[in-house]
Amino acid sequence: MAEPINSAPDSSRELITFLVGSQEFCVDVMSVREIRVWTPATPLAHAPSYVCGVINLRGAVLPIIDFAARLGMTP
């Protein structure tokens, strides 16, 4: 993994890394609410091909997005 980029000498940032295909991505840990095990999504009619469907998470309906499909990558 690449070295972290710091905007100031004493600043630090925690990142979560993940793979989409063979490409590595990262997200600031402070932007992540939780990480959950896979839950099957309810399909949506007429949704774009990269939308797997939606899940109900404690009363909130959340879309499930296939990042590889959204970015035009092969899985």
PDB file of N, CA and C in Angstrom:
ATOM      1  N   MET A   1       0.842  -1.174   0.000  1.00  0.00           N
ATOM      2  CA  MET A   1       0.000   0.000   0.000  1.00  0.00           C
ATOM      3  C   MET A   1       0.885   1.234   0.000  1.00  0.00           C
ATOM      4  N   ALA A   2       0.420   2.306  -0.603  1.00  0.00           N
ATOM      5  CA  ALA A   2       1.172   3.545  -0.679  1.00  0.00           C
ATOM      6  C   ALA A   2       1.291   4.184   0.700  1.00  0.00           C
ATOM      7  N   GLU A   3       2.293   5.036   0.841  1.00  0.00           N
ATOM      8  CA  GLU A   3       2.485   5.748   2.101  1.00  0.00           C
ATOM      9  C   GLU A   3       1.347   6.744   2.312  1.00  0.00           C
ATOM     10  N   PRO A   4       0.923   6.955   3.580  1.00  0.00           N
ATOM     11  CA  PRO A   4      -0.152   7.913   3.838  1.00  0.00           C
ATOM     12  C   PRO A   4       0.279   9.326   3.486  1.00  0.00           C
ATOM     13  N   ILE A   5      -0.665  10.127   3.038  1.00  0.00           N
ATOM     14  CA  ILE A   5      -0.414  11.524   2.709  1.00  0.00           C
ATOM     15  C   ILE A   5      -0.891  12.355   3.885  1.00  0.00           C
ATOM     16  N   ASN A   6       0.004  13.106   4.494  1.00  0.00           N
ATOM     17  CA  ASN A   6      -0.349  13.938   5.641  1.00  0.00           C
ATOM     18  C   ASN A   6      -0.326  15.396   5.236  1.00  0.00           C
ATOM     19  N   SER A   7      -1.345  16.151   5.647  1.00  0.00           N
ATOM     20  CA  SER A   7      -1.388  17.569   5.332  1.00  0.00           C
ATOM     21  C   SER A   7      -0.547  18.376   6.317  1.00  0.00           C
ATOM     22  N   ALA A   8      -0.292  17.832   7.495  1.00  0.00           N
ATOM     23  CA  ALA A   8       0.543  18.486   8.496  1.00  0.00           C
ATOM     24  C   ALA A   8       1.440  17.422   9.129  1.00  0.00           C
ATOM     25  N   PRO A   9       2.595  17.816   9.638  1.00  0.00           N
ATOM     26  CA  PRO A   9       3.526  16.824  10.186  1.00  0.00           C
ATOM     27  C   PRO A   9       2.930  15.928  11.270  1.00  0.00           C
ATOM     28  N   ASP A  10       2.096  16.447  12.196  1.00  0.00           N
ATOM     29  CA  ASP A  10       1.559  15.598  13.249  1.00  0.00           C
ATOM     30  C   ASP A  10       0.172  15.069  12.960  1.00  0.00           C
ATOM     31  N   SER A  11      -0.344  15.256  11.779  1.00  0.00           N
ATOM     32  CA  SER A  11      -1.679  14.719  11.489  1.00  0.00           C
ATOM     33  C   SER A  11      -1.561  13.260  11.057  1.00  0.00           C
ATOM     34  N   SER A  12      -2.584  12.504  11.383  1.00  0.00           N
ATOM     35  CA  SER A  12      -2.625  11.118  10.923  1.00  0.00           C
ATOM     36  C   SER A  12      -4.048  10.815  10.501  1.00  0.00           C
ATOM     37  N   ARG A  13      -4.174   9.871   9.616  1.00  0.00           N
ATOM     38  CA  ARG A  13      -5.488   9.512   9.094  1.00  0.00           C
ATOM     39  C   ARG A  13      -5.561   8.001   9.053  1.00  0.00           C
ATOM     40  N   GLU A  14      -6.654   7.456   9.574  1.00  0.00           N
ATOM     41  CA  GLU A  14      -6.864   6.018   9.508  1.00  0.00           C
ATOM     42  C   GLU A  14      -7.737   5.714   8.304  1.00  0.00           C
ATOM     43  N   LEU A  15      -7.307   4.749   7.507  1.00  0.00           N
ATOM     44  CA  LEU A  15      -8.017   4.396   6.290  1.00  0.00           C
ATOM     45  C   LEU A  15      -8.417   2.931   6.313  1.00  0.00           C
ATOM     46  N   ILE A  16      -9.547   2.646   5.704  1.00  0.00           N
ATOM     47  CA  ILE A  16      -9.973   1.276   5.463  1.00  0.00           C
ATOM     48  C   ILE A  16      -9.715   1.016   3.990  1.00  0.00           C
ATOM     49  N   THR A  17      -8.993  -0.056   3.686  1.00  0.00           N
ATOM     50  CA  THR A  17      -8.714  -0.386   2.294  1.00  0.00           C
ATOM     51  C   THR A  17      -9.530  -1.598   1.873  1.00  0.00           C
ATOM     52  N   PHE A  18      -9.863  -1.628   0.591  1.00  0.00           N
ATOM     53  CA  PHE A  18     -10.615  -2.750   0.038  1.00  0.00           C
ATOM     54  C   PHE A  18     -10.290  -2.875  -1.440  1.00  0.00           C
ATOM     55  N   LEU A  19     -10.532  -4.054  -1.979  1.00  0.00           N
ATOM     56  CA  LEU A  19     -10.269  -4.320  -3.388  1.00  0.00           C
ATOM     57  C   LEU A  19     -11.564  -4.351  -4.171  1.00  0.00           C
ATOM     58  N   VAL A  20     -11.528  -3.775  -5.344  1.00  0.00           N
ATOM     59  CA  VAL A  20     -12.597  -3.917  -6.333  1.00  0.00           C
ATOM     60  C   VAL A  20     -11.889  -4.456  -7.564  1.00  0.00           C
ATOM     61  N   GLY A  21     -12.118  -5.731  -7.859  1.00  0.00           N
ATOM     62  CA  GLY A  21     -11.323  -6.398  -8.883  1.00  0.00           C
ATOM     63  C   GLY A  21      -9.892  -6.458  -8.380  1.00  0.00           C
ATOM     64  N   SER A  22      -8.951  -5.956  -9.149  1.00  0.00           N
ATOM     65  CA  SER A  22      -7.553  -5.930  -8.708  1.00  0.00           C
ATOM     66  C   SER A  22      -7.124  -4.531  -8.271  1.00  0.00           C
ATOM     67  N   GLN A  23      -8.051  -3.588  -8.260  1.00  0.00           N
ATOM     68  CA  GLN A  23      -7.758  -2.197  -7.893  1.00  0.00           C
ATOM     69  C   GLN A  23      -7.999  -1.982  -6.400  1.00  0.00           C
ATOM     70  N   GLU A  24      -7.042  -1.349  -5.725  1.00  0.00           N
ATOM     71  CA  GLU A  24      -7.176  -1.069  -4.296  1.00  0.00           C
ATOM     72  C   GLU A  24      -7.742   0.335  -4.092  1.00  0.00           C
ATOM     73  N   PHE A  25      -8.716   0.446  -3.202  1.00  0.00           N
ATOM     74  CA  PHE A  25      -9.337   1.721  -2.851  1.00  0.00           C
ATOM     75  C   PHE A  25      -9.242   1.901  -1.342  1.00  0.00           C
ATOM     76  N   CYS A  26      -9.420   3.137  -0.873  1.00  0.00           N
ATOM     77  CA  CYS A  26      -9.453   3.373   0.566  1.00  0.00           C
ATOM     78  C   CYS A  26     -10.478   4.453   0.884  1.00  0.00           C
ATOM     79  N   VAL A  27     -10.964   4.393   2.122  1.00  0.00           N
ATOM     80  CA  VAL A  27     -11.952   5.343   2.626  1.00  0.00           C
ATOM     81  C   VAL A  27     -11.501   5.748   4.022  1.00  0.00           C
ATOM     82  N   ASP A  28     -11.644   7.016   4.349  1.00  0.00           N
ATOM     83  CA  ASP A  28     -11.330   7.480   5.694  1.00  0.00           C
ATOM     84  C   ASP A  28     -12.233   6.758   6.685  1.00  0.00           C
ATOM     85  N   VAL A  29     -11.651   6.203   7.730  1.00  0.00           N
ATOM     86  CA  VAL A  29     -12.414   5.420   8.704  1.00  0.00           C
ATOM     87  C   VAL A  29     -13.518   6.262   9.350  1.00  0.00           C
ATOM     88  N   MET A  30     -13.344   7.563   9.429  1.00  0.00           N
ATOM     89  CA  MET A  30     -14.359   8.424  10.032  1.00  0.00           C
ATOM     90  C   MET A  30     -15.585   8.585   9.134  1.00  0.00           C
ATOM     91  N   SER A  31     -15.491   8.168   7.868  1.00  0.00           N
ATOM     92  CA  SER A  31     -16.630   8.216   6.947  1.00  0.00           C
ATOM     93  C   SER A  31     -17.445   6.928   6.970  1.00  0.00           C
ATOM     94  N   VAL A  32     -16.981   5.928   7.710  1.00  0.00           N
ATOM     95  CA  VAL A  32     -17.639   4.622   7.744  1.00  0.00           C
ATOM     96  C   VAL A  32     -18.468   4.508   9.017  1.00  0.00           C
ATOM     97  N   ARG A  33     -19.750   4.227   8.851  1.00  0.00           N
ATOM     98  CA  ARG A  33     -20.631   4.073  10.008  1.00  0.00           C
ATOM     99  C   ARG A  33     -20.480   2.690  10.625  1.00  0.00           C
ATOM    100  N   GLU A  34     -20.507   1.645   9.794  1.00  0.00           N
ATOM    101  CA  GLU A  34     -20.327   0.278  10.275  1.00  0.00           C
ATOM    102  C   GLU A  34     -20.007  -0.636   9.105  1.00  0.00           C
ATOM    103  N   ILE A  35     -19.446  -1.793   9.427  1.00  0.00           N
ATOM    104  CA  ILE A  35     -19.173  -2.832   8.438  1.00  0.00           C
ATOM    105  C   ILE A  35     -19.998  -4.035   8.849  1.00  0.00           C
ATOM    106  N   ARG A  36     -20.767  -4.554   7.921  1.00  0.00           N
ATOM    107  CA  ARG A  36     -21.692  -5.644   8.227  1.00  0.00           C
ATOM    108  C   ARG A  36     -21.423  -6.846   7.334  1.00  0.00           C
ATOM    109  N   VAL A  37     -21.934  -7.988   7.773  1.00  0.00           N
ATOM    110  CA  VAL A  37     -21.884  -9.172   6.923  1.00  0.00           C
ATOM    111  C   VAL A  37     -22.885  -8.977   5.791  1.00  0.00           C
ATOM    112  N   TRP A  38     -22.719  -9.755   4.732  1.00  0.00           N
ATOM    113  CA  TRP A  38     -23.590  -9.634   3.569  1.00  0.00           C
ATOM    114  C   TRP A  38     -25.032  -9.977   3.920  1.00  0.00           C
ATOM    115  N   THR A  39     -25.948  -9.161   3.471  1.00  0.00           N
ATOM    116  CA  THR A  39     -27.382  -9.394   3.594  1.00  0.00           C
ATOM    117  C   THR A  39     -27.949  -9.342   2.185  1.00  0.00           C
ATOM    118  N   PRO A  40     -28.707 -10.340   1.767  1.00  0.00           N
ATOM    119  CA  PRO A  40     -29.279 -10.290   0.417  1.00  0.00           C
ATOM    120  C   PRO A  40     -30.125  -9.028   0.228  1.00  0.00           C
ATOM    121  N   ALA A  41     -29.980  -8.416  -0.930  1.00  0.00           N
ATOM    122  CA  ALA A  41     -30.711  -7.186  -1.237  1.00  0.00           C
ATOM    123  C   ALA A  41     -32.014  -7.512  -1.958  1.00  0.00           C
ATOM    124  N   THR A  42     -32.993  -6.644  -1.762  1.00  0.00           N
ATOM    125  CA  THR A  42     -34.257  -6.747  -2.493  1.00  0.00           C
ATOM    126  C   THR A  42     -34.070  -6.045  -3.831  1.00  0.00           C
ATOM    127  N   PRO A  43     -34.224  -6.752  -4.945  1.00  0.00           N
ATOM    128  CA  PRO A  43     -34.015  -6.133  -6.262  1.00  0.00           C
ATOM    129  C   PRO A  43     -35.005  -4.997  -6.522  1.00  0.00           C
ATOM    130  N   LEU A  44     -34.577  -4.041  -7.325  1.00  0.00           N
ATOM    131  CA  LEU A  44     -35.424  -2.918  -7.717  1.00  0.00           C
ATOM    132  C   LEU A  44     -35.674  -2.976  -9.215  1.00  0.00           C
ATOM    133  N   ALA A  45     -36.919  -2.851  -9.600  1.00  0.00           N
ATOM    134  CA  ALA A  45     -37.251  -2.811 -11.030  1.00  0.00           C
ATOM    135  C   ALA A  45     -36.726  -1.514 -11.635  1.00  0.00           C
ATOM    136  N   HIS A  46     -36.221  -1.590 -12.830  1.00  0.00           N
ATOM    137  CA  HIS A  46     -35.754  -0.435 -13.612  1.00  0.00           C
ATOM    138  C   HIS A  46     -34.552   0.277 -12.993  1.00  0.00           C
ATOM    139  N   ALA A  47     -33.850  -0.371 -12.072  1.00  0.00           N
ATOM    140  CA  ALA A  47     -32.645   0.225 -11.485  1.00  0.00           C
ATOM    141  C   ALA A  47     -31.480   0.021 -12.444  1.00  0.00           C
ATOM    142  N   PRO A  48     -30.478   0.890 -12.386  1.00  0.00           N
ATOM    143  CA  PRO A  48     -29.283   0.674 -13.211  1.00  0.00           C
ATOM    144  C   PRO A  48     -28.652  -0.676 -12.883  1.00  0.00           C
ATOM    145  N   SER A  49     -27.888  -1.208 -13.811  1.00  0.00           N
ATOM    146  CA  SER A  49     -27.311  -2.547 -13.640  1.00  0.00           C
ATOM    147  C   SER A  49     -26.369  -2.647 -12.446  1.00  0.00           C
ATOM    148  N   TYR A  50     -25.759  -1.545 -12.026  1.00  0.00           N
ATOM    149  CA  TYR A  50     -24.837  -1.578 -10.896  1.00  0.00           C
ATOM    150  C   TYR A  50     -25.541  -1.521  -9.536  1.00  0.00           C
ATOM    151  N   VAL A  51     -26.850  -1.301  -9.515  1.00  0.00           N
ATOM    152  CA  VAL A  51     -27.610  -1.306  -8.261  1.00  0.00           C
ATOM    153  C   VAL A  51     -28.104  -2.728  -8.021  1.00  0.00           C
ATOM    154  N   CYS A  52     -27.576  -3.361  -6.978  1.00  0.00           N
ATOM    155  CA  CYS A  52     -27.955  -4.741  -6.652  1.00  0.00           C
ATOM    156  C   CYS A  52     -29.343  -4.803  -6.035  1.00  0.00           C
ATOM    157  N   GLY A  53     -29.766  -3.720  -5.437  1.00  0.00           N
ATOM    158  CA  GLY A  53     -31.064  -3.657  -4.771  1.00  0.00           C
ATOM    159  C   GLY A  53     -30.964  -2.780  -3.544  1.00  0.00           C
ATOM    160  N   VAL A  54     -31.858  -3.007  -2.583  1.00  0.00           N
ATOM    161  CA  VAL A  54     -31.865  -2.235  -1.346  1.00  0.00           C
ATOM    162  C   VAL A  54     -31.971  -3.175  -0.154  1.00  0.00           C
ATOM    163  N   ILE A  55     -31.508  -2.699   0.998  1.00  0.00           N
ATOM    164  CA  ILE A  55     -31.700  -3.419   2.253  1.00  0.00           C
ATOM    165  C   ILE A  55     -32.358  -2.472   3.243  1.00  0.00           C
ATOM    166  N   ASN A  56     -32.992  -3.046   4.251  1.00  0.00           N
ATOM    167  CA  ASN A  56     -33.577  -2.269   5.332  1.00  0.00           C
ATOM    168  C   ASN A  56     -32.646  -2.404   6.527  1.00  0.00           C
ATOM    169  N   LEU A  57     -32.014  -1.313   6.904  1.00  0.00           N
ATOM    170  CA  LEU A  57     -31.088  -1.313   8.034  1.00  0.00           C
ATOM    171  C   LEU A  57     -31.684  -0.465   9.144  1.00  0.00           C
ATOM    172  N   ARG A  58     -32.279  -1.126  10.115  1.00  0.00           N
ATOM    173  CA  ARG A  58     -32.909  -0.449  11.251  1.00  0.00           C
ATOM    174  C   ARG A  58     -33.880   0.637  10.798  1.00  0.00           C
ATOM    175  N   GLY A  59     -34.692   0.319   9.806  1.00  0.00           N
ATOM    176  CA  GLY A  59     -35.717   1.242   9.328  1.00  0.00           C
ATOM    177  C   GLY A  59     -35.280   2.166   8.208  1.00  0.00           C
ATOM    178  N   ALA A  60     -34.007   2.196   7.884  1.00  0.00           N
ATOM    179  CA  ALA A  60     -33.512   3.027   6.781  1.00  0.00           C
ATOM    180  C   ALA A  60     -33.308   2.141   5.559  1.00  0.00           C
ATOM    181  N   VAL A  61     -33.850   2.553   4.436  1.00  0.00           N
ATOM    182  CA  VAL A  61     -33.689   1.805   3.189  1.00  0.00           C
ATOM    183  C   VAL A  61     -32.408   2.296   2.516  1.00  0.00           C
ATOM    184  N   LEU A  62     -31.458   1.371   2.338  1.00  0.00           N
ATOM    185  CA  LEU A  62     -30.149   1.722   1.786  1.00  0.00           C
ATOM    186  C   LEU A  62     -29.890   0.985   0.483  1.00  0.00           C
ATOM    187  N   PRO A  63     -29.383   1.695  -0.527  1.00  0.00           N
ATOM    188  CA  PRO A  63     -29.057   1.019  -1.783  1.00  0.00           C
ATOM    189  C   PRO A  63     -27.765   0.219  -1.644  1.00  0.00           C
ATOM    190  N   ILE A  64     -27.709  -0.904  -2.347  1.00  0.00           N
ATOM    191  CA  ILE A  64     -26.499  -1.726  -2.409  1.00  0.00           C
ATOM    192  C   ILE A  64     -25.934  -1.568  -3.816  1.00  0.00           C
ATOM    193  N   ILE A  65     -24.717  -1.035  -3.897  1.00  0.00           N
ATOM    194  CA  ILE A  65     -24.087  -0.709  -5.173  1.00  0.00           C
ATOM    195  C   ILE A  65     -22.926  -1.663  -5.435  1.00  0.00           C
ATOM    196  N   ASP A  66     -22.850  -2.198  -6.633  1.00  0.00           N
ATOM    197  CA  ASP A  66     -21.716  -3.013  -7.076  1.00  0.00           C
ATOM    198  C   ASP A  66     -20.684  -2.039  -7.654  1.00  0.00           C
ATOM    199  N   PHE A  67     -19.634  -1.739  -6.870  1.00  0.00           N
ATOM    200  CA  PHE A  67     -18.639  -0.753  -7.299  1.00  0.00           C
ATOM    201  C   PHE A  67     -17.943  -1.153  -8.587  1.00  0.00           C
ATOM    202  N   ALA A  68     -17.623  -2.425  -8.742  1.00  0.00           N
ATOM    203  CA  ALA A  68     -16.954  -2.872  -9.967  1.00  0.00           C
ATOM    204  C   ALA A  68     -17.824  -2.571 -11.179  1.00  0.00           C
ATOM    205  N   ALA A  69     -19.106  -2.890 -11.094  1.00  0.00           N
ATOM    206  CA  ALA A  69     -20.017  -2.609 -12.211  1.00  0.00           C
ATOM    207  C   ALA A  69     -20.156  -1.107 -12.425  1.00  0.00           C
ATOM    208  N   ARG A  70     -20.244  -0.347 -11.350  1.00  0.00           N
ATOM    209  CA  ARG A  70     -20.410   1.108 -11.456  1.00  0.00           C
ATOM    210  C   ARG A  70     -19.204   1.761 -12.118  1.00  0.00           C
ATOM    211  N   LEU A  71     -18.017   1.224 -11.825  1.00  0.00           N
ATOM    212  CA  LEU A  71     -16.787   1.777 -12.395  1.00  0.00           C
ATOM    213  C   LEU A  71     -16.425   1.160 -13.738  1.00  0.00           C
ATOM    214  N   GLY A  72     -17.278   0.250 -14.223  1.00  0.00           N
ATOM    215  CA  GLY A  72     -17.032  -0.381 -15.512  1.00  0.00           C
ATOM    216  C   GLY A  72     -15.913  -1.401 -15.480  1.00  0.00           C
ATOM    217  N   MET A  73     -15.640  -1.958 -14.307  1.00  0.00           N
ATOM    218  CA  MET A  73     -14.573  -2.947 -14.159  1.00  0.00           C
ATOM    219  C   MET A  73     -15.165  -4.344 -14.256  1.00  0.00           C
ATOM    220  N   THR A  74     -14.348  -5.287 -14.685  1.00  0.00           N
ATOM    221  CA  THR A  74     -14.802  -6.674 -14.691  1.00  0.00           C
ATOM    222  C   THR A  74     -14.557  -7.255 -13.309  1.00  0.00           C
ATOM    223  N   PRO A  75     -15.491  -8.046 -12.796  1.00  0.00           N
ATOM    224  CA  PRO A  75     -15.334  -8.591 -11.438  1.00  0.00           C
ATOM    225  C   PRO A  75     -14.196  -9.583 -11.328  1.00  0.00           C
TER     226      PRO A  75
END
